[in-house]
PDB file of N, CA and C in Angstrom:
ATOM      1  N   MET A   1     -18.720 -33.990  35.825  1.00  0.00           N
ATOM      2  CA  MET A   1     -17.837 -35.162  35.436  1.00  0.00           C
ATOM      3  C   MET A   1     -16.722 -34.613  34.723  1.00  0.00           C
ATOM      4  N   GLY A   2     -15.464 -35.001  35.068  1.00  0.00           N
ATOM      5  CA  GLY A   2     -14.273 -34.472  34.538  1.00  0.00           C
ATOM      6  C   GLY A   2     -13.827 -35.194  33.316  1.00  0.00           C
ATOM      7  N   LYS A   3     -13.008 -34.532  32.538  1.00  0.00           N
ATOM      8  CA  LYS A   3     -12.428 -35.077  31.315  1.00  0.00           C
ATOM      9  C   LYS A   3     -11.529 -36.303  31.589  1.00  0.00           C
ATOM     10  N   THR A   4     -11.669 -37.364  30.896  1.00  0.00           N
ATOM     11  CA  THR A   4     -10.854 -38.599  31.187  1.00  0.00           C
ATOM     12  C   THR A   4      -9.716 -38.665  30.134  1.00  0.00           C
ATOM     13  N   SER A   5      -9.749 -37.964  29.124  1.00  0.00           N
ATOM     14  CA  SER A   5      -8.677 -38.007  28.170  1.00  0.00           C
ATOM     15  C   SER A   5      -8.389 -36.570  27.637  1.00  0.00           C
ATOM     16  N   ARG A   6      -7.205 -36.447  26.946  1.00  0.00           N
ATOM     17  CA  ARG A   6      -6.864 -35.165  26.435  1.00  0.00           C
ATOM     18  C   ARG A   6      -5.915 -35.495  25.166  1.00  0.00           C
ATOM     19  N   PRO A   7      -5.779 -34.594  24.372  1.00  0.00           N
ATOM     20  CA  PRO A   7      -4.945 -34.829  23.118  1.00  0.00           C
ATOM     21  C   PRO A   7      -3.427 -35.247  23.572  1.00  0.00           C
ATOM     22  N   HIS A   8      -2.865 -36.084  22.699  1.00  0.00           N
ATOM     23  CA  HIS A   8      -1.562 -36.546  22.888  1.00  0.00           C
ATOM     24  C   HIS A   8      -0.638 -35.313  22.919  1.00  0.00           C
ATOM     25  N   GLY A   9      -0.698 -34.464  22.077  1.00  0.00           N
ATOM     26  CA  GLY A   9       0.269 -33.283  22.043  1.00  0.00           C
ATOM     27  C   GLY A   9       0.245 -32.506  23.342  1.00  0.00           C
ATOM     28  N   GLU A  10      -1.036 -32.290  23.845  1.00  0.00           N
ATOM     29  CA  GLU A  10      -1.109 -31.571  25.173  1.00  0.00           C
ATOM     30  C   GLU A  10      -0.439 -32.259  26.225  1.00  0.00           C
ATOM     31  N   ALA A  11      -0.683 -33.568  26.306  1.00  0.00           N
ATOM     32  CA  ALA A  11       0.019 -34.367  27.300  1.00  0.00           C
ATOM     33  C   ALA A  11       1.522 -34.444  27.221  1.00  0.00           C
ATOM     34  N   MET A  12       2.039 -34.537  25.983  1.00  0.00           N
ATOM     35  CA  MET A  12       3.531 -34.492  25.742  1.00  0.00           C
ATOM     36  C   MET A  12       4.176 -33.133  26.131  1.00  0.00           C
ATOM     37  N   VAL A  13       3.457 -32.038  25.892  1.00  0.00           N
ATOM     38  CA  VAL A  13       4.049 -30.727  26.207  1.00  0.00           C
ATOM     39  C   VAL A  13       4.057 -30.607  27.824  1.00  0.00           C
ATOM     40  N   GLU A  14       3.029 -31.088  28.421  1.00  0.00           N
ATOM     41  CA  GLU A  14       3.087 -30.985  29.880  1.00  0.00           C
ATOM     42  C   GLU A  14       4.210 -31.905  30.396  1.00  0.00           C
ATOM     43  N   LEU A  15       4.414 -33.115  29.890  1.00  0.00           N
ATOM     44  CA  LEU A  15       5.398 -34.048  30.364  1.00  0.00           C
ATOM     45  C   LEU A  15       6.830 -33.346  30.160  1.00  0.00           C
ATOM     46  N   LEU A  16       6.951 -32.779  29.071  1.00  0.00           N
ATOM     47  CA  LEU A  16       8.231 -32.075  28.627  1.00  0.00           C
ATOM     48  C   LEU A  16       8.534 -30.847  29.565  1.00  0.00           C
ATOM     49  N   ARG A  17       7.427 -30.243  30.028  1.00  0.00           N
ATOM     50  CA  ARG A  17       7.621 -29.098  30.952  1.00  0.00           C
ATOM     51  C   ARG A  17       8.059 -29.608  32.298  1.00  0.00           C
ATOM     52  N   GLN A  18       7.506 -30.818  32.670  1.00  0.00           N
ATOM     53  CA  GLN A  18       7.734 -31.290  34.068  1.00  0.00           C
ATOM     54  C   GLN A  18       9.173 -31.890  34.044  1.00  0.00           C
ATOM     55  N   ASP A  19       9.623 -32.418  32.929  1.00  0.00           N
ATOM     56  CA  ASP A  19      10.959 -33.156  32.816  1.00  0.00           C
ATOM     57  C   ASP A  19      11.694 -32.648  31.586  1.00  0.00           C
ATOM     58  N   PRO A  20      12.304 -31.544  31.613  1.00  0.00           N
ATOM     59  CA  PRO A  20      12.975 -31.027  30.414  1.00  0.00           C
ATOM     60  C   PRO A  20      14.000 -31.956  29.951  1.00  0.00           C
ATOM     61  N   ALA A  21      14.732 -32.839  30.716  1.00  0.00           N
ATOM     62  CA  ALA A  21      15.690 -33.652  30.288  1.00  0.00           C
ATOM     63  C   ALA A  21      15.132 -34.813  29.332  1.00  0.00           C
ATOM     64  N   PHE A  22      13.870 -35.104  29.500  1.00  0.00           N
ATOM     65  CA  PHE A  22      13.091 -36.032  28.584  1.00  0.00           C
ATOM     66  C   PHE A  22      13.221 -35.557  27.224  1.00  0.00           C
ATOM     67  N   ALA A  23      13.384 -34.346  26.944  1.00  0.00           N
ATOM     68  CA  ALA A  23      13.396 -33.867  25.486  1.00  0.00           C
ATOM     69  C   ALA A  23      14.502 -34.548  24.726  1.00  0.00           C
ATOM     70  N   ASP A  24      15.633 -34.699  25.405  1.00  0.00           N
ATOM     71  CA  ASP A  24      16.771 -35.377  24.708  1.00  0.00           C
ATOM     72  C   ASP A  24      16.404 -36.674  24.129  1.00  0.00           C
ATOM     73  N   ASP A  25      15.797 -37.574  25.008  1.00  0.00           N
ATOM     74  CA  ASP A  25      15.499 -38.883  24.633  1.00  0.00           C
ATOM     75  C   ASP A  25      14.341 -38.872  23.578  1.00  0.00           C
ATOM     76  N   TYR A  26      13.360 -38.077  23.750  1.00  0.00           N
ATOM     77  CA  TYR A  26      12.142 -37.821  22.884  1.00  0.00           C
ATOM     78  C   TYR A  26      12.535 -37.520  21.468  1.00  0.00           C
ATOM     79  N   LEU A  27      13.522 -36.464  21.370  1.00  0.00           N
ATOM     80  CA  LEU A  27      14.020 -36.142  20.071  1.00  0.00           C
ATOM     81  C   LEU A  27      14.913 -37.104  19.511  1.00  0.00           C
ATOM     82  N   SER A  28      15.653 -37.800  20.248  1.00  0.00           N
ATOM     83  CA  SER A  28      16.658 -38.815  19.737  1.00  0.00           C
ATOM     84  C   SER A  28      15.818 -39.979  19.153  1.00  0.00           C
ATOM     85  N   VAL A  29      14.769 -40.385  19.723  1.00  0.00           N
ATOM     86  CA  VAL A  29      13.860 -41.416  19.146  1.00  0.00           C
ATOM     87  C   VAL A  29      13.290 -41.003  17.910  1.00  0.00           C
ATOM     88  N   ALA A  30      12.738 -39.732  17.919  1.00  0.00           N
ATOM     89  CA  ALA A  30      12.131 -39.210  16.757  1.00  0.00           C
ATOM     90  C   ALA A  30      13.086 -39.140  15.552  1.00  0.00           C
ATOM     91  N   LEU A  31      14.296 -38.776  15.761  1.00  0.00           N
ATOM     92  CA  LEU A  31      15.309 -38.741  14.816  1.00  0.00           C
ATOM     93  C   LEU A  31      15.644 -40.071  14.209  1.00  0.00           C
ATOM     94  N   ASP A  32      15.765 -41.005  15.161  1.00  0.00           N
ATOM     95  CA  ASP A  32      16.166 -42.387  14.721  1.00  0.00           C
ATOM     96  C   ASP A  32      15.114 -42.983  13.874  1.00  0.00           C
ATOM     97  N   GLU A  33      13.841 -42.535  14.072  1.00  0.00           N
ATOM     98  CA  GLU A  33      12.696 -43.100  13.278  1.00  0.00           C
ATOM     99  C   GLU A  33      12.194 -42.190  12.130  1.00  0.00           C
ATOM    100  N   ALA A  34      12.981 -41.114  11.848  1.00  0.00           N
ATOM    101  CA  ALA A  34      12.561 -40.218  10.821  1.00  0.00           C
ATOM    102  C   ALA A  34      12.370 -40.831   9.373  1.00  0.00           C
ATOM    103  N   ASP A  35      13.212 -41.783   9.104  1.00  0.00           N
ATOM    104  CA  ASP A  35      13.084 -42.504   7.835  1.00  0.00           C
ATOM    105  C   ASP A  35      12.008 -43.603   7.786  1.00  0.00           C
ATOM    106  N   GLN A  36      11.343 -43.888   8.860  1.00  0.00           N
ATOM    107  CA  GLN A  36      10.241 -44.837   8.792  1.00  0.00           C
ATOM    108  C   GLN A  36       8.932 -44.150   8.249  1.00  0.00           C
ATOM    109  N   PRO A  37       8.004 -44.964   7.773  1.00  0.00           N
ATOM    110  CA  PRO A  37       6.780 -44.302   7.374  1.00  0.00           C
ATOM    111  C   PRO A  37       6.153 -43.529   8.512  1.00  0.00           C
ATOM    112  N   GLY A  38       5.779 -42.313   8.133  1.00  0.00           N
ATOM    113  CA  GLY A  38       5.208 -41.317   9.137  1.00  0.00           C
ATOM    114  C   GLY A  38       6.199 -40.700  10.031  1.00  0.00           C
ATOM    115  N   GLY A  39       7.474 -41.146   9.852  1.00  0.00           N
ATOM    116  CA  GLY A  39       8.522 -40.683  10.840  1.00  0.00           C
ATOM    117  C   GLY A  39       8.901 -39.195  10.617  1.00  0.00           C
ATOM    118  N   ARG A  40       8.745 -38.606   9.479  1.00  0.00           N
ATOM    119  CA  ARG A  40       9.048 -37.160   9.299  1.00  0.00           C
ATOM    120  C   ARG A  40       7.966 -36.278  10.085  1.00  0.00           C
ATOM    121  N   GLU A  41       6.746 -36.760   9.949  1.00  0.00           N
ATOM    122  CA  GLU A  41       5.695 -36.057  10.615  1.00  0.00           C
ATOM    123  C   GLU A  41       5.834 -36.230  12.105  1.00  0.00           C
ATOM    124  N   ALA A  42       6.188 -37.363  12.570  1.00  0.00           N
ATOM    125  CA  ALA A  42       6.516 -37.545  14.019  1.00  0.00           C
ATOM    126  C   ALA A  42       7.578 -36.729  14.587  1.00  0.00           C
ATOM    127  N   LEU A  43       8.726 -36.539  13.694  1.00  0.00           N
ATOM    128  CA  LEU A  43       9.755 -35.696  14.131  1.00  0.00           C
ATOM    129  C   LEU A  43       9.308 -34.190  14.190  1.00  0.00           C
ATOM    130  N   LEU A  44       8.649 -33.740  13.247  1.00  0.00           N
ATOM    131  CA  LEU A  44       8.118 -32.433  13.273  1.00  0.00           C
ATOM    132  C   LEU A  44       7.188 -32.099  14.518  1.00  0.00           C
ATOM    133  N   SER A  45       6.392 -33.225  14.754  1.00  0.00           N
ATOM    134  CA  SER A  45       5.464 -33.084  16.002  1.00  0.00           C
ATOM    135  C   SER A  45       6.339 -32.953  17.286  1.00  0.00           C
ATOM    136  N   ALA A  46       7.382 -33.880  17.225  1.00  0.00           N
ATOM    137  CA  ALA A  46       8.269 -33.813  18.500  1.00  0.00           C
ATOM    138  C   ALA A  46       8.951 -32.491  18.666  1.00  0.00           C
ATOM    139  N   LEU A  47       9.426 -32.014  17.610  1.00  0.00           N
ATOM    140  CA  LEU A  47      10.110 -30.643  17.612  1.00  0.00           C
ATOM    141  C   LEU A  47       9.062 -29.518  18.051  1.00  0.00           C
ATOM    142  N   ARG A  48       7.929 -29.609  17.578  1.00  0.00           N
ATOM    143  CA  ARG A  48       6.853 -28.737  18.033  1.00  0.00           C
ATOM    144  C   ARG A  48       6.502 -28.860  19.453  1.00  0.00           C
ATOM    145  N   HIS A  49       6.407 -30.049  19.944  1.00  0.00           N
ATOM    146  CA  HIS A  49       6.109 -30.299  21.403  1.00  0.00           C
ATOM    147  C   HIS A  49       7.278 -29.756  22.313  1.00  0.00           C
ATOM    148  N   VAL A  50       8.441 -29.983  21.875  1.00  0.00           N
ATOM    149  CA  VAL A  50       9.568 -29.448  22.724  1.00  0.00           C
ATOM    150  C   VAL A  50       9.635 -27.954  22.632  1.00  0.00           C
ATOM    151  N   ALA A  51       9.367 -27.389  21.479  1.00  0.00           N
ATOM    152  CA  ALA A  51       9.354 -25.876  21.417  1.00  0.00           C
ATOM    153  C   ALA A  51       8.218 -25.257  22.172  1.00  0.00           C
ATOM    154  N   GLU A  52       7.001 -25.870  22.224  1.00  0.00           N
ATOM    155  CA  GLU A  52       5.919 -25.395  23.071  1.00  0.00           C
ATOM    156  C   GLU A  52       6.250 -25.540  24.505  1.00  0.00           C
ATOM    157  N   ALA A  53       6.894 -26.583  24.883  1.00  0.00           N
ATOM    158  CA  ALA A  53       7.255 -26.867  26.250  1.00  0.00           C
ATOM    159  C   ALA A  53       8.201 -25.764  26.835  1.00  0.00           C
ATOM    160  N   GLN A  54       9.135 -25.420  25.947  1.00  0.00           N
ATOM    161  CA  GLN A  54      10.228 -24.438  26.347  1.00  0.00           C
ATOM    162  C   GLN A  54       9.705 -23.012  26.156  1.00  0.00           C
ATOM    163  N   GLY A  55       8.680 -22.853  25.391  1.00  0.00           N
ATOM    164  CA  GLY A  55       8.143 -21.529  25.088  1.00  0.00           C
ATOM    165  C   GLY A  55       8.538 -21.139  23.670  1.00  0.00           C
ATOM    166  N   MET A  56       7.600 -20.967  22.779  1.00  0.00           N
ATOM    167  CA  MET A  56       7.875 -20.730  21.377  1.00  0.00           C
ATOM    168  C   MET A  56       8.718 -19.433  21.241  1.00  0.00           C
ATOM    169  N   ALA A  57       8.389 -18.401  21.982  1.00  0.00           N
ATOM    170  CA  ALA A  57       9.081 -17.110  21.849  1.00  0.00           C
ATOM    171  C   ALA A  57      10.534 -17.259  22.289  1.00  0.00           C
ATOM    172  N   VAL A  58      10.751 -18.014  23.323  1.00  0.00           N
ATOM    173  CA  VAL A  58      12.144 -18.267  23.796  1.00  0.00           C
ATOM    174  C   VAL A  58      12.950 -19.038  22.735  1.00  0.00           C
ATOM    175  N   VAL A  59      12.343 -20.031  22.169  1.00  0.00           N
ATOM    176  CA  VAL A  59      12.989 -20.967  21.180  1.00  0.00           C
ATOM    177  C   VAL A  59      13.285 -20.046  19.928  1.00  0.00           C
ATOM    178  N   ALA A  60      12.339 -19.264  19.580  1.00  0.00           N
ATOM    179  CA  ALA A  60      12.517 -18.398  18.331  1.00  0.00           C
ATOM    180  C   ALA A  60      13.702 -17.457  18.523  1.00  0.00           C
ATOM    181  N   GLU A  61      13.693 -16.806  19.647  1.00  0.00           N
ATOM    182  CA  GLU A  61      14.709 -15.835  20.004  1.00  0.00           C
ATOM    183  C   GLU A  61      16.076 -16.555  20.037  1.00  0.00           C
ATOM    184  N   ARG A  62      16.191 -17.655  20.579  1.00  0.00           N
ATOM    185  CA  ARG A  62      17.488 -18.433  20.614  1.00  0.00           C
ATOM    186  C   ARG A  62      17.880 -18.772  19.203  1.00  0.00           C
ATOM    187  N   ALA A  63      16.966 -19.181  18.334  1.00  0.00           N
ATOM    188  CA  ALA A  63      17.147 -19.533  16.915  1.00  0.00           C
ATOM    189  C   ALA A  63      17.448 -18.363  16.043  1.00  0.00           C
ATOM    190  N   GLY A  64      17.150 -17.153  16.510  1.00  0.00           N
ATOM    191  CA  GLY A  64      17.346 -15.927  15.748  1.00  0.00           C
ATOM    192  C   GLY A  64      16.259 -15.825  14.603  1.00  0.00           C
ATOM    193  N   ILE A  65      15.069 -16.219  14.795  1.00  0.00           N
ATOM    194  CA  ILE A  65      14.075 -16.167  13.862  1.00  0.00           C
ATOM    195  C   ILE A  65      12.815 -15.514  14.466  1.00  0.00           C
ATOM    196  N   PRO A  66      11.909 -15.047  13.680  1.00  0.00           N
ATOM    197  CA  PRO A  66      10.693 -14.463  14.281  1.00  0.00           C
ATOM    198  C   PRO A  66       9.826 -15.606  14.746  1.00  0.00           C
ATOM    199  N   ARG A  67       9.105 -15.353  15.864  1.00  0.00           N
ATOM    200  CA  ARG A  67       8.157 -16.347  16.393  1.00  0.00           C
ATOM    201  C   ARG A  67       7.199 -16.916  15.446  1.00  0.00           C
ATOM    202  N   GLU A  68       6.658 -15.991  14.581  1.00  0.00           N
ATOM    203  CA  GLU A  68       5.679 -16.450  13.589  1.00  0.00           C
ATOM    204  C   GLU A  68       6.307 -17.406  12.588  1.00  0.00           C
ATOM    205  N   SER A  69       7.597 -17.205  12.271  1.00  0.00           N
ATOM    206  CA  SER A  69       8.281 -18.218  11.368  1.00  0.00           C
ATOM    207  C   SER A  69       8.355 -19.512  11.963  1.00  0.00           C
ATOM    208  N   LEU A  70       8.713 -19.556  13.347  1.00  0.00           N
ATOM    209  CA  LEU A  70       8.778 -20.852  13.951  1.00  0.00           C
ATOM    210  C   LEU A  70       7.492 -21.637  14.025  1.00  0.00           C
ATOM    211  N   TYR A  71       6.458 -20.840  14.251  1.00  0.00           N
ATOM    212  CA  TYR A  71       5.037 -21.498  14.245  1.00  0.00           C
ATOM    213  C   TYR A  71       4.843 -22.127  12.856  1.00  0.00           C
ATOM    214  N   ARG A  72       5.115 -21.333  11.897  1.00  0.00           N
ATOM    215  CA  ARG A  72       4.967 -21.898  10.458  1.00  0.00           C
ATOM    216  C   ARG A  72       5.702 -23.026  10.185  1.00  0.00           C
ATOM    217  N   ALA A  73       7.067 -22.974  10.522  1.00  0.00           N
ATOM    218  CA  ALA A  73       8.028 -24.047  10.292  1.00  0.00           C
ATOM    219  C   ALA A  73       7.619 -25.403  11.052  1.00  0.00           C
ATOM    220  N   LEU A  74       7.037 -25.231  12.242  1.00  0.00           N
ATOM    221  CA  LEU A  74       6.644 -26.389  12.991  1.00  0.00           C
ATOM    222  C   LEU A  74       5.228 -26.687  12.870  1.00  0.00           C
ATOM    223  N   GLY A  75       4.422 -26.097  12.028  1.00  0.00           N
ATOM    224  CA  GLY A  75       3.038 -26.299  11.814  1.00  0.00           C
ATOM    225  C   GLY A  75       2.824 -27.612  11.055  1.00  0.00           C
ATOM    226  N   PRO A  76       1.523 -28.009  11.187  1.00  0.00           N
ATOM    227  CA  PRO A  76       1.182 -29.365  10.580  1.00  0.00           C
ATOM    228  C   PRO A  76       1.340 -29.381   9.058  1.00  0.00           C
ATOM    229  N   ARG A  77       1.333 -28.326   8.387  1.00  0.00           N
ATOM    230  CA  ARG A  77       1.399 -28.286   6.992  1.00  0.00           C
ATOM    231  C   ARG A  77       2.818 -28.274   6.563  1.00  0.00           C
TER     232      ARG A  77
END
């Protein structure tokens, strides 16, 4: 019997990998809602999803920071 559901984050990363242009809309909505209750956490989650979809090492290199620092910055804490 196969799995019928999966974590939201996993599904978002896959969607962002399949459709990289979706990242613009995804981040735009997250930014627009950042001042709403839970919005900052949602924005951080969206940034993490996009970074995971593009590859954390690639994003860290483009940002000029160590990969470990990017993981910490986008972590749940």
